[in-house]
Amino acid sequence: MKLVYAVSRRQFGKVLTPLKVYAARLPNAFGTFYGKVSALDKKLHLARETVFLIREQVARINVCLFCTDIGRAFAIRESMNEAKFDALDEYKTSSLLSDAERAALDYATELTRDKQVSQGTFNHLGSYYSEREICEIVWLVASEHVYNITNIGLNIHSDLLCDITKRSAASGQAVSAR
């Protein structure tokens, strides 16, 4: 765990709470699982900003403070349009988001909130995204739920990563992404 902690400190400026709470107490296979989730995310065809908007929306609905914090920190690091993330409360009417992004967020919101999706929402999503991309969106919602439930279940809250990221960006330090 010392190596994992050192990597976390280098990447985030601190040891992440989930590492201290559950990664240190579970078999290495759990860490491998989370590593595979991250590796799969790197193979997505969806635009990276869309990926982060979907994950952020799911985390917001589930009220996972750690996940919303780390998601926003990555968005800041990658110079994504922060105003889009700020507009998630009113994504349905925000001119900052494209129709495709709104369709993806409608789908993610409905699936997260209701655990099912209406045929109309599914059809609307299909007018913007390929079958593979729709599967990727389902993957993002499902895997974000795993992160959210793990952190919520263990009472893990924000690590203030947005603040650390903003300070690092201001001082010109490079940090790698999720």
N, C-alpha and C. Protein backbone atom coordinates (compact mmCIF):
# COMPACT_ATOMS: atom_id res chain seq x y z
N MET A 1 0.83 -1.20 0.00
CA MET A 1 0.00 0.00 0.00
C MET A 1 0.87 1.26 0.00
N LYS A 2 2.12 1.13 0.47
CA LYS A 2 2.98 2.31 0.49
C LYS A 2 3.18 2.87 -0.92
N LEU A 3 3.34 1.98 -1.89
CA LEU A 3 3.51 2.42 -3.27
C LEU A 3 2.24 3.08 -3.79
N VAL A 4 1.11 2.48 -3.50
CA VAL A 4 -0.18 3.05 -3.93
C VAL A 4 -0.39 4.42 -3.30
N TYR A 5 -0.07 4.55 -2.02
CA TYR A 5 -0.20 5.83 -1.34
C TYR A 5 0.73 6.87 -1.96
N ALA A 6 1.94 6.47 -2.31
CA ALA A 6 2.90 7.40 -2.92
C ALA A 6 2.40 7.88 -4.28
N VAL A 7 1.84 6.98 -5.06
CA VAL A 7 1.29 7.35 -6.36
C VAL A 7 0.12 8.31 -6.18
N SER A 8 -0.73 8.03 -5.21
CA SER A 8 -1.86 8.91 -4.92
C SER A 8 -1.39 10.31 -4.52
N ARG A 9 -0.39 10.37 -3.65
CA ARG A 9 0.15 11.67 -3.23
C ARG A 9 0.70 12.44 -4.42
N ARG A 10 1.41 11.74 -5.30
CA ARG A 10 2.00 12.41 -6.46
C ARG A 10 0.92 12.88 -7.43
N GLN A 11 -0.11 12.05 -7.64
CA GLN A 11 -1.15 12.39 -8.61
C GLN A 11 -2.14 13.41 -8.07
N PHE A 12 -2.49 13.32 -6.79
CA PHE A 12 -3.56 14.15 -6.24
C PHE A 12 -3.11 15.13 -5.16
N GLY A 13 -1.89 15.01 -4.70
CA GLY A 13 -1.42 15.87 -3.63
C GLY A 13 -1.78 15.35 -2.26
N LYS A 14 -2.38 14.17 -2.20
CA LYS A 14 -2.76 13.55 -0.93
C LYS A 14 -3.14 12.10 -1.18
N VAL A 15 -3.21 11.32 -0.13
CA VAL A 15 -3.71 9.95 -0.25
C VAL A 15 -5.23 10.04 -0.23
N LEU A 16 -5.85 9.51 -1.27
CA LEU A 16 -7.31 9.57 -1.37
C LEU A 16 -7.97 8.76 -0.25
N THR A 17 -9.03 9.28 0.30
CA THR A 17 -9.74 8.62 1.40
C THR A 17 -10.19 7.21 1.04
N PRO A 18 -10.75 6.97 -0.17
CA PRO A 18 -11.13 5.58 -0.47
C PRO A 18 -9.95 4.59 -0.37
N LEU A 19 -8.76 5.04 -0.71
CA LEU A 19 -7.59 4.16 -0.57
C LEU A 19 -7.33 3.85 0.89
N LYS A 20 -7.43 4.87 1.73
CA LYS A 20 -7.17 4.68 3.16
C LYS A 20 -8.26 3.84 3.84
N VAL A 21 -9.50 3.99 3.38
CA VAL A 21 -10.61 3.33 4.06
C VAL A 21 -10.82 1.91 3.59
N TYR A 22 -11.04 1.70 2.29
CA TYR A 22 -11.37 0.34 1.89
C TYR A 22 -10.30 -0.37 1.09
N ALA A 23 -9.52 0.32 0.31
CA ALA A 23 -8.49 -0.37 -0.48
C ALA A 23 -7.46 -1.03 0.44
N ALA A 24 -7.18 -0.43 1.58
CA ALA A 24 -6.20 -0.99 2.51
C ALA A 24 -6.75 -2.21 3.25
N ARG A 25 -8.05 -2.40 3.22
CA ARG A 25 -8.66 -3.47 4.00
C ARG A 25 -9.18 -4.64 3.16
N LEU A 26 -9.17 -4.50 1.86
CA LEU A 26 -9.71 -5.54 0.99
C LEU A 26 -8.58 -6.23 0.22
N PRO A 27 -8.85 -7.42 -0.28
CA PRO A 27 -7.82 -8.12 -1.06
C PRO A 27 -7.42 -7.30 -2.30
N ASN A 28 -6.21 -7.55 -2.77
CA ASN A 28 -5.70 -6.84 -3.94
C ASN A 28 -6.62 -6.96 -5.16
N ALA A 29 -7.42 -8.02 -5.21
CA ALA A 29 -8.32 -8.22 -6.34
C ALA A 29 -9.29 -7.04 -6.51
N PHE A 30 -9.67 -6.40 -5.39
CA PHE A 30 -10.57 -5.26 -5.48
C PHE A 30 -9.87 -4.09 -6.17
N GLY A 31 -8.61 -3.87 -5.82
CA GLY A 31 -7.83 -2.83 -6.49
C GLY A 31 -7.67 -3.13 -7.96
N THR A 32 -7.48 -4.40 -8.28
CA THR A 32 -7.38 -4.81 -9.68
C THR A 32 -8.69 -4.53 -10.41
N PHE A 33 -9.80 -4.79 -9.75
CA PHE A 33 -11.11 -4.52 -10.34
C PHE A 33 -11.25 -3.04 -10.69
N TYR A 34 -10.93 -2.16 -9.74
CA TYR A 34 -11.03 -0.73 -9.99
C TYR A 34 -10.07 -0.30 -11.08
N GLY A 35 -8.91 -0.94 -11.14
CA GLY A 35 -7.97 -0.67 -12.23
C GLY A 35 -8.55 -1.05 -13.58
N LYS A 36 -9.29 -2.14 -13.62
CA LYS A 36 -9.91 -2.58 -14.87
C LYS A 36 -11.02 -1.61 -15.29
N VAL A 37 -11.76 -1.09 -14.32
CA VAL A 37 -12.79 -0.08 -14.64
C VAL A 37 -12.12 1.11 -15.31
N SER A 38 -11.02 1.56 -14.75
CA SER A 38 -10.29 2.70 -15.30
C SER A 38 -9.75 2.37 -16.69
N ALA A 39 -9.24 1.17 -16.88
CA ALA A 39 -8.71 0.77 -18.19
C ALA A 39 -9.82 0.72 -19.24
N LEU A 40 -10.99 0.23 -18.84
CA LEU A 40 -12.12 0.20 -19.78
C LEU A 40 -12.55 1.62 -20.15
N ASP A 41 -12.54 2.52 -19.21
CA ASP A 41 -12.90 3.91 -19.50
C ASP A 41 -12.00 4.51 -20.58
N LYS A 42 -10.76 4.08 -20.63
CA LYS A 42 -9.82 4.62 -21.63
C LYS A 42 -10.11 4.10 -23.03
N LYS A 43 -10.98 3.10 -23.16
CA LYS A 43 -11.32 2.52 -24.46
C LYS A 43 -12.65 3.02 -25.01
N LEU A 44 -13.27 3.96 -24.30
CA LEU A 44 -14.56 4.47 -24.73
C LEU A 44 -14.43 5.33 -25.98
N HIS A 45 -15.46 5.28 -26.80
CA HIS A 45 -15.51 6.11 -28.01
C HIS A 45 -16.16 7.46 -27.75
N LEU A 46 -16.92 7.57 -26.67
CA LEU A 46 -17.59 8.83 -26.34
C LEU A 46 -16.57 9.93 -26.10
N ALA A 47 -16.98 11.15 -26.37
CA ALA A 47 -16.12 12.30 -26.08
C ALA A 47 -15.83 12.33 -24.58
N ARG A 48 -14.61 12.63 -24.23
CA ARG A 48 -14.17 12.62 -22.83
C ARG A 48 -15.03 13.54 -21.96
N GLU A 49 -15.37 14.72 -22.48
CA GLU A 49 -16.20 15.63 -21.71
C GLU A 49 -17.58 15.03 -21.46
N THR A 50 -18.13 14.34 -22.44
CA THR A 50 -19.43 13.68 -22.27
C THR A 50 -19.33 12.61 -21.19
N VAL A 51 -18.25 11.86 -21.19
CA VAL A 51 -18.03 10.84 -20.16
C VAL A 51 -18.07 11.47 -18.77
N PHE A 52 -17.36 12.58 -18.61
CA PHE A 52 -17.30 13.22 -17.29
C PHE A 52 -18.63 13.87 -16.92
N LEU A 53 -19.35 14.41 -17.89
CA LEU A 53 -20.67 14.97 -17.60
C LEU A 53 -21.63 13.89 -17.12
N ILE A 54 -21.61 12.74 -17.76
CA ILE A 54 -22.49 11.63 -17.36
C ILE A 54 -22.12 11.16 -15.96
N ARG A 55 -20.83 10.92 -15.72
CA ARG A 55 -20.41 10.45 -14.39
C ARG A 55 -20.78 11.48 -13.31
N GLU A 56 -20.56 12.75 -13.62
CA GLU A 56 -20.88 13.81 -12.64
C GLU A 56 -22.38 13.84 -12.33
N GLN A 57 -23.20 13.68 -13.37
CA GLN A 57 -24.65 13.69 -13.16
C GLN A 57 -25.10 12.52 -12.29
N VAL A 58 -24.57 11.35 -12.56
CA VAL A 58 -24.94 10.18 -11.74
C VAL A 58 -24.49 10.39 -10.29
N ALA A 59 -23.27 10.86 -10.10
CA ALA A 59 -22.77 11.09 -8.75
C ALA A 59 -23.58 12.16 -8.02
N ARG A 60 -24.02 13.18 -8.75
CA ARG A 60 -24.84 14.23 -8.14
C ARG A 60 -26.18 13.67 -7.68
N ILE A 61 -26.81 12.87 -8.54
CA ILE A 61 -28.10 12.28 -8.19
C ILE A 61 -27.96 11.37 -6.97
N ASN A 62 -26.89 10.59 -6.94
CA ASN A 62 -26.65 9.66 -5.83
C ASN A 62 -26.06 10.35 -4.59
N VAL A 63 -25.73 11.63 -4.72
CA VAL A 63 -25.14 12.44 -3.65
C VAL A 63 -23.86 11.79 -3.11
N CYS A 64 -22.97 11.46 -4.04
CA CYS A 64 -21.65 10.96 -3.67
C CYS A 64 -20.69 12.14 -3.75
N LEU A 65 -20.40 12.73 -2.61
CA LEU A 65 -19.58 13.93 -2.55
C LEU A 65 -18.15 13.69 -3.01
N PHE A 66 -17.61 12.52 -2.70
CA PHE A 66 -16.26 12.21 -3.16
C PHE A 66 -16.23 12.15 -4.69
N CYS A 67 -17.21 11.48 -5.27
CA CYS A 67 -17.23 11.30 -6.73
C CYS A 67 -17.46 12.61 -7.48
N THR A 68 -18.34 13.46 -6.95
CA THR A 68 -18.53 14.75 -7.62
C THR A 68 -17.26 15.59 -7.51
N ASP A 69 -16.58 15.50 -6.39
CA ASP A 69 -15.34 16.25 -6.19
C ASP A 69 -14.24 15.76 -7.14
N ILE A 70 -14.01 14.46 -7.18
CA ILE A 70 -12.92 13.96 -8.03
C ILE A 70 -13.26 14.13 -9.51
N GLY A 71 -14.53 13.96 -9.86
CA GLY A 71 -14.93 14.17 -11.25
C GLY A 71 -14.68 15.60 -11.70
N ARG A 72 -15.03 16.54 -10.86
CA ARG A 72 -14.80 17.95 -11.18
C ARG A 72 -13.31 18.26 -11.22
N ALA A 73 -12.55 17.65 -10.33
CA ALA A 73 -11.09 17.87 -10.33
C ALA A 73 -10.48 17.42 -11.66
N PHE A 74 -10.92 16.27 -12.16
CA PHE A 74 -10.42 15.81 -13.46
C PHE A 74 -10.85 16.74 -14.58
N ALA A 75 -12.07 17.22 -14.52
CA ALA A 75 -12.55 18.16 -15.54
C ALA A 75 -11.69 19.43 -15.54
N ILE A 76 -11.33 19.90 -14.37
CA ILE A 76 -10.47 21.09 -14.26
C ILE A 76 -9.09 20.78 -14.84
N ARG A 77 -8.54 19.65 -14.47
CA ARG A 77 -7.20 19.27 -14.94
C ARG A 77 -7.14 19.17 -16.45
N GLU A 78 -8.23 18.69 -17.03
CA GLU A 78 -8.25 18.49 -18.48
C GLU A 78 -8.80 19.71 -19.22
N SER A 79 -8.95 20.79 -18.51
CA SER A 79 -9.43 22.06 -19.09
C SER A 79 -10.76 21.91 -19.82
N MET A 80 -11.65 21.11 -19.24
CA MET A 80 -12.99 20.98 -19.81
C MET A 80 -13.78 22.23 -19.46
N ASN A 81 -14.87 22.43 -20.14
CA ASN A 81 -15.71 23.60 -19.94
C ASN A 81 -16.43 23.48 -18.58
N GLU A 82 -15.88 24.10 -17.57
CA GLU A 82 -16.46 24.02 -16.22
C GLU A 82 -17.89 24.56 -16.16
N ALA A 83 -18.20 25.50 -17.02
CA ALA A 83 -19.55 26.06 -17.03
C ALA A 83 -20.59 24.99 -17.34
N LYS A 84 -20.22 24.00 -18.16
CA LYS A 84 -21.15 22.89 -18.45
C LYS A 84 -21.45 22.11 -17.18
N PHE A 85 -20.43 21.88 -16.38
CA PHE A 85 -20.61 21.14 -15.13
C PHE A 85 -21.43 21.96 -14.15
N ASP A 86 -21.22 23.27 -14.14
CA ASP A 86 -22.01 24.16 -13.29
C ASP A 86 -23.48 24.17 -13.73
N ALA A 87 -23.73 23.90 -14.99
CA ALA A 87 -25.08 23.96 -15.54
C ALA A 87 -25.85 22.64 -15.42
N LEU A 88 -25.28 21.65 -14.78
CA LEU A 88 -25.97 20.36 -14.71
C LEU A 88 -27.32 20.44 -14.02
N ASP A 89 -27.50 21.37 -13.09
CA ASP A 89 -28.82 21.52 -12.45
C ASP A 89 -29.90 21.87 -13.47
N GLU A 90 -29.52 22.65 -14.48
CA GLU A 90 -30.50 23.07 -15.49
C GLU A 90 -30.07 22.60 -16.88
N TYR A 91 -29.50 21.39 -16.95
CA TYR A 91 -28.99 20.89 -18.23
C TYR A 91 -30.04 20.83 -19.32
N LYS A 92 -31.29 20.60 -18.94
CA LYS A 92 -32.35 20.48 -19.96
C LYS A 92 -32.55 21.77 -20.76
N THR A 93 -32.24 22.91 -20.17
CA THR A 93 -32.47 24.19 -20.84
C THR A 93 -31.19 24.98 -21.10
N SER A 94 -30.07 24.49 -20.61
CA SER A 94 -28.83 25.25 -20.75
C SER A 94 -28.34 25.24 -22.20
N SER A 95 -28.01 26.43 -22.69
CA SER A 95 -27.48 26.54 -24.06
C SER A 95 -26.02 26.07 -24.12
N LEU A 96 -25.41 25.80 -22.99
CA LEU A 96 -24.03 25.34 -22.97
C LEU A 96 -23.89 23.89 -23.43
N LEU A 97 -24.97 23.15 -23.29
CA LEU A 97 -24.94 21.72 -23.63
C LEU A 97 -25.57 21.48 -24.99
N SER A 98 -25.03 20.52 -25.71
CA SER A 98 -25.57 20.16 -27.02
C SER A 98 -26.81 19.29 -26.83
N ASP A 99 -27.58 19.13 -27.89
CA ASP A 99 -28.75 18.25 -27.84
C ASP A 99 -28.32 16.81 -27.53
N ALA A 100 -27.19 16.39 -28.07
CA ALA A 100 -26.69 15.04 -27.80
C ALA A 100 -26.32 14.88 -26.32
N GLU A 101 -25.66 15.88 -25.76
CA GLU A 101 -25.31 15.81 -24.34
C GLU A 101 -26.57 15.78 -23.48
N ARG A 102 -27.57 16.57 -23.84
CA ARG A 102 -28.82 16.58 -23.09
C ARG A 102 -29.51 15.21 -23.17
N ALA A 103 -29.47 14.58 -24.33
CA ALA A 103 -30.08 13.25 -24.49
C ALA A 103 -29.35 12.24 -23.60
N ALA A 104 -28.02 12.30 -23.57
CA ALA A 104 -27.25 11.39 -22.72
C ALA A 104 -27.55 11.64 -21.24
N LEU A 105 -27.66 12.90 -20.87
CA LEU A 105 -27.95 13.24 -19.47
C LEU A 105 -29.38 12.86 -19.10
N ASP A 106 -30.33 13.00 -20.01
CA ASP A 106 -31.70 12.54 -19.76
C ASP A 106 -31.70 11.04 -19.47
N TYR A 107 -30.99 10.31 -20.31
CA TYR A 107 -30.91 8.86 -20.17
C TYR A 107 -30.25 8.49 -18.84
N ALA A 108 -29.10 9.08 -18.55
CA ALA A 108 -28.37 8.78 -17.31
C ALA A 108 -29.20 9.16 -16.09
N THR A 109 -29.88 10.28 -16.16
CA THR A 109 -30.72 10.74 -15.04
C THR A 109 -31.87 9.77 -14.80
N GLU A 110 -32.56 9.42 -15.86
CA GLU A 110 -33.71 8.52 -15.72
C GLU A 110 -33.27 7.14 -15.22
N LEU A 111 -32.19 6.61 -15.79
CA LEU A 111 -31.71 5.29 -15.38
C LEU A 111 -31.25 5.31 -13.91
N THR A 112 -30.60 6.36 -13.51
CA THR A 112 -30.11 6.47 -12.12
C THR A 112 -31.27 6.66 -11.15
N ARG A 113 -32.15 7.56 -11.48
CA ARG A 113 -33.25 7.91 -10.58
C ARG A 113 -34.31 6.81 -10.52
N ASP A 114 -34.71 6.27 -11.70
CA ASP A 114 -35.85 5.35 -11.77
C ASP A 114 -35.45 3.89 -11.92
N LYS A 115 -34.17 3.62 -12.21
CA LYS A 115 -33.67 2.26 -12.46
C LYS A 115 -34.31 1.63 -13.68
N GLN A 116 -34.83 2.46 -14.55
CA GLN A 116 -35.37 2.05 -15.84
C GLN A 116 -35.44 3.28 -16.74
N VAL A 117 -35.62 3.05 -18.02
CA VAL A 117 -35.64 4.14 -18.98
C VAL A 117 -36.85 3.95 -19.89
N SER A 118 -37.58 5.03 -20.13
CA SER A 118 -38.73 4.94 -21.02
C SER A 118 -38.26 4.71 -22.45
N GLN A 119 -39.14 4.16 -23.25
CA GLN A 119 -38.81 3.92 -24.66
C GLN A 119 -38.53 5.24 -25.38
N GLY A 120 -39.26 6.29 -25.02
CA GLY A 120 -39.03 7.59 -25.64
C GLY A 120 -37.63 8.13 -25.35
N THR A 121 -37.19 8.00 -24.11
CA THR A 121 -35.84 8.45 -23.74
C THR A 121 -34.80 7.62 -24.47
N PHE A 122 -35.03 6.31 -24.55
CA PHE A 122 -34.09 5.43 -25.25
C PHE A 122 -34.03 5.77 -26.74
N ASN A 123 -35.18 5.97 -27.34
CA ASN A 123 -35.22 6.32 -28.77
C ASN A 123 -34.53 7.66 -29.03
N HIS A 124 -34.76 8.62 -28.15
CA HIS A 124 -34.13 9.94 -28.30
C HIS A 124 -32.61 9.81 -28.21
N LEU A 125 -32.13 9.01 -27.27
CA LEU A 125 -30.70 8.77 -27.13
C LEU A 125 -30.14 8.16 -28.42
N GLY A 126 -30.89 7.21 -28.98
CA GLY A 126 -30.47 6.52 -30.20
C GLY A 126 -30.39 7.42 -31.42
N SER A 127 -31.03 8.57 -31.36
CA SER A 127 -30.94 9.49 -32.49
C SER A 127 -29.62 10.26 -32.50
N TYR A 128 -28.86 10.17 -31.42
CA TYR A 128 -27.56 10.87 -31.32
C TYR A 128 -26.37 9.93 -31.19
N TYR A 129 -26.61 8.73 -30.66
CA TYR A 129 -25.50 7.84 -30.34
C TYR A 129 -25.66 6.48 -31.00
N SER A 130 -24.53 5.87 -31.33
CA SER A 130 -24.51 4.53 -31.92
C SER A 130 -24.85 3.49 -30.85
N GLU A 131 -25.08 2.26 -31.28
CA GLU A 131 -25.36 1.19 -30.32
C GLU A 131 -24.20 1.02 -29.34
N ARG A 132 -22.98 1.09 -29.86
CA ARG A 132 -21.81 0.97 -28.98
C ARG A 132 -21.77 2.11 -27.97
N GLU A 133 -22.02 3.33 -28.42
CA GLU A 133 -21.99 4.48 -27.52
C GLU A 133 -23.08 4.38 -26.46
N ILE A 134 -24.24 3.85 -26.82
CA ILE A 134 -25.30 3.64 -25.84
C ILE A 134 -24.84 2.63 -24.79
N CYS A 135 -24.18 1.57 -25.23
CA CYS A 135 -23.63 0.60 -24.27
C CYS A 135 -22.59 1.26 -23.37
N GLU A 136 -21.80 2.17 -23.93
CA GLU A 136 -20.81 2.89 -23.13
C GLU A 136 -21.50 3.77 -22.09
N ILE A 137 -22.59 4.41 -22.47
CA ILE A 137 -23.33 5.25 -21.52
C ILE A 137 -23.88 4.39 -20.38
N VAL A 138 -24.42 3.22 -20.71
CA VAL A 138 -24.91 2.31 -19.67
C VAL A 138 -23.75 1.90 -18.76
N TRP A 139 -22.60 1.60 -19.34
CA TRP A 139 -21.41 1.25 -18.57
C TRP A 139 -21.03 2.38 -17.60
N LEU A 140 -21.05 3.60 -18.10
CA LEU A 140 -20.69 4.74 -17.26
C LEU A 140 -21.64 4.87 -16.07
N VAL A 141 -22.93 4.74 -16.34
CA VAL A 141 -23.91 4.85 -15.25
C VAL A 141 -23.69 3.71 -14.24
N ALA A 142 -23.55 2.50 -14.74
CA ALA A 142 -23.40 1.34 -13.85
C ALA A 142 -22.11 1.41 -13.04
N SER A 143 -21.01 1.72 -13.69
CA SER A 143 -19.74 1.76 -12.96
C SER A 143 -19.68 2.94 -12.00
N GLU A 144 -20.33 4.05 -12.36
CA GLU A 144 -20.38 5.18 -11.42
C GLU A 144 -21.18 4.81 -10.18
N HIS A 145 -22.23 4.01 -10.36
CA HIS A 145 -22.99 3.53 -9.20
C HIS A 145 -22.10 2.73 -8.26
N VAL A 146 -21.22 1.90 -8.80
CA VAL A 146 -20.31 1.13 -7.95
C VAL A 146 -19.45 2.08 -7.11
N TYR A 147 -18.85 3.07 -7.78
CA TYR A 147 -18.04 4.05 -7.04
C TYR A 147 -18.89 4.76 -5.98
N ASN A 148 -20.08 5.21 -6.39
CA ASN A 148 -20.93 5.99 -5.49
C ASN A 148 -21.35 5.17 -4.27
N ILE A 149 -21.85 3.99 -4.49
CA ILE A 149 -22.36 3.16 -3.38
C ILE A 149 -21.22 2.78 -2.43
N THR A 150 -20.05 2.50 -2.99
CA THR A 150 -18.89 2.18 -2.14
C THR A 150 -18.57 3.35 -1.22
N ASN A 151 -18.47 4.54 -1.79
CA ASN A 151 -18.12 5.71 -0.98
C ASN A 151 -19.23 6.11 -0.01
N ILE A 152 -20.46 6.09 -0.48
CA ILE A 152 -21.58 6.46 0.39
C ILE A 152 -21.70 5.45 1.55
N GLY A 153 -21.56 4.17 1.22
CA GLY A 153 -21.69 3.11 2.23
C GLY A 153 -20.63 3.18 3.31
N LEU A 154 -19.48 3.76 2.97
CA LEU A 154 -18.40 3.87 3.94
C LEU A 154 -18.24 5.29 4.48
N ASN A 155 -19.25 6.13 4.22
CA ASN A 155 -19.28 7.50 4.73
C ASN A 155 -18.05 8.31 4.29
N ILE A 156 -17.66 8.10 3.03
CA ILE A 156 -16.53 8.83 2.46
C ILE A 156 -17.07 10.06 1.75
N HIS A 157 -16.55 11.21 2.11
CA HIS A 157 -17.01 12.48 1.56
C HIS A 157 -15.92 13.10 0.70
N SER A 158 -16.08 14.33 0.35
CA SER A 158 -15.14 15.05 -0.50
C SER A 158 -13.74 15.09 0.11
N ASP A 159 -12.74 14.94 -0.74
CA ASP A 159 -11.35 15.12 -0.33
C ASP A 159 -10.84 16.51 -0.70
N LEU A 160 -11.75 17.39 -1.12
CA LEU A 160 -11.40 18.76 -1.52
C LEU A 160 -10.40 18.77 -2.67
N LEU A 161 -10.54 17.80 -3.57
CA LEU A 161 -9.62 17.68 -4.70
C LEU A 161 -9.74 18.84 -5.68
N CYS A 162 -10.93 19.42 -5.78
CA CYS A 162 -11.08 20.60 -6.66
C CYS A 162 -10.18 21.73 -6.20
N ASP A 163 -10.14 21.95 -4.90
CA ASP A 163 -9.28 23.01 -4.35
C ASP A 163 -7.81 22.71 -4.62
N ILE A 164 -7.41 21.46 -4.38
CA ILE A 164 -6.02 21.07 -4.62
C ILE A 164 -5.67 21.22 -6.09
N THR A 165 -6.60 20.81 -6.95
CA THR A 165 -6.37 20.88 -8.40
C THR A 165 -6.24 22.32 -8.86
N LYS A 166 -7.09 23.18 -8.35
CA LYS A 166 -7.02 24.60 -8.74
C LYS A 166 -5.70 25.22 -8.28
N ARG A 167 -5.27 24.87 -7.08
CA ARG A 167 -3.98 25.39 -6.60
C ARG A 167 -2.84 24.85 -7.45
N SER A 168 -2.89 23.55 -7.78
CA SER A 168 -1.84 22.94 -8.60
C SER A 168 -1.80 23.57 -9.99
N ALA A 169 -2.99 23.79 -10.57
CA ALA A 169 -3.06 24.39 -11.90
C ALA A 169 -2.49 25.81 -11.87
N ALA A 170 -2.80 26.51 -10.81
CA ALA A 170 -2.31 27.88 -10.68
C ALA A 170 -0.79 27.94 -10.55
N SER A 171 -0.23 26.90 -9.93
CA SER A 171 1.23 26.87 -9.76
C SER A 171 1.93 26.15 -10.90
N GLY A 172 1.14 25.63 -11.88
CA GLY A 172 1.72 25.02 -13.07
C GLY A 172 2.15 23.57 -12.91
N GLN A 173 1.68 22.89 -11.88
CA GLN A 173 2.04 21.47 -11.69
C GLN A 173 1.17 20.60 -12.57
N ALA A 174 1.79 19.63 -13.20
CA ALA A 174 1.05 18.67 -14.04
C ALA A 174 0.54 17.53 -13.18
N VAL A 175 -0.68 17.09 -13.45
CA VAL A 175 -1.26 15.98 -12.73
C VAL A 175 -1.96 15.08 -13.74
N SER A 176 -1.83 13.78 -13.60
CA SER A 176 -2.44 12.88 -14.58
C SER A 176 -3.91 12.63 -14.28
N ALA A 177 -4.62 12.10 -15.28
CA ALA A 177 -6.09 11.95 -15.19
C ALA A 177 -6.53 10.55 -14.83
N ARG A 178 -7.81 10.45 -14.44
CA ARG A 178 -8.49 9.24 -14.01
C ARG A 178 -8.39 8.16 -15.05
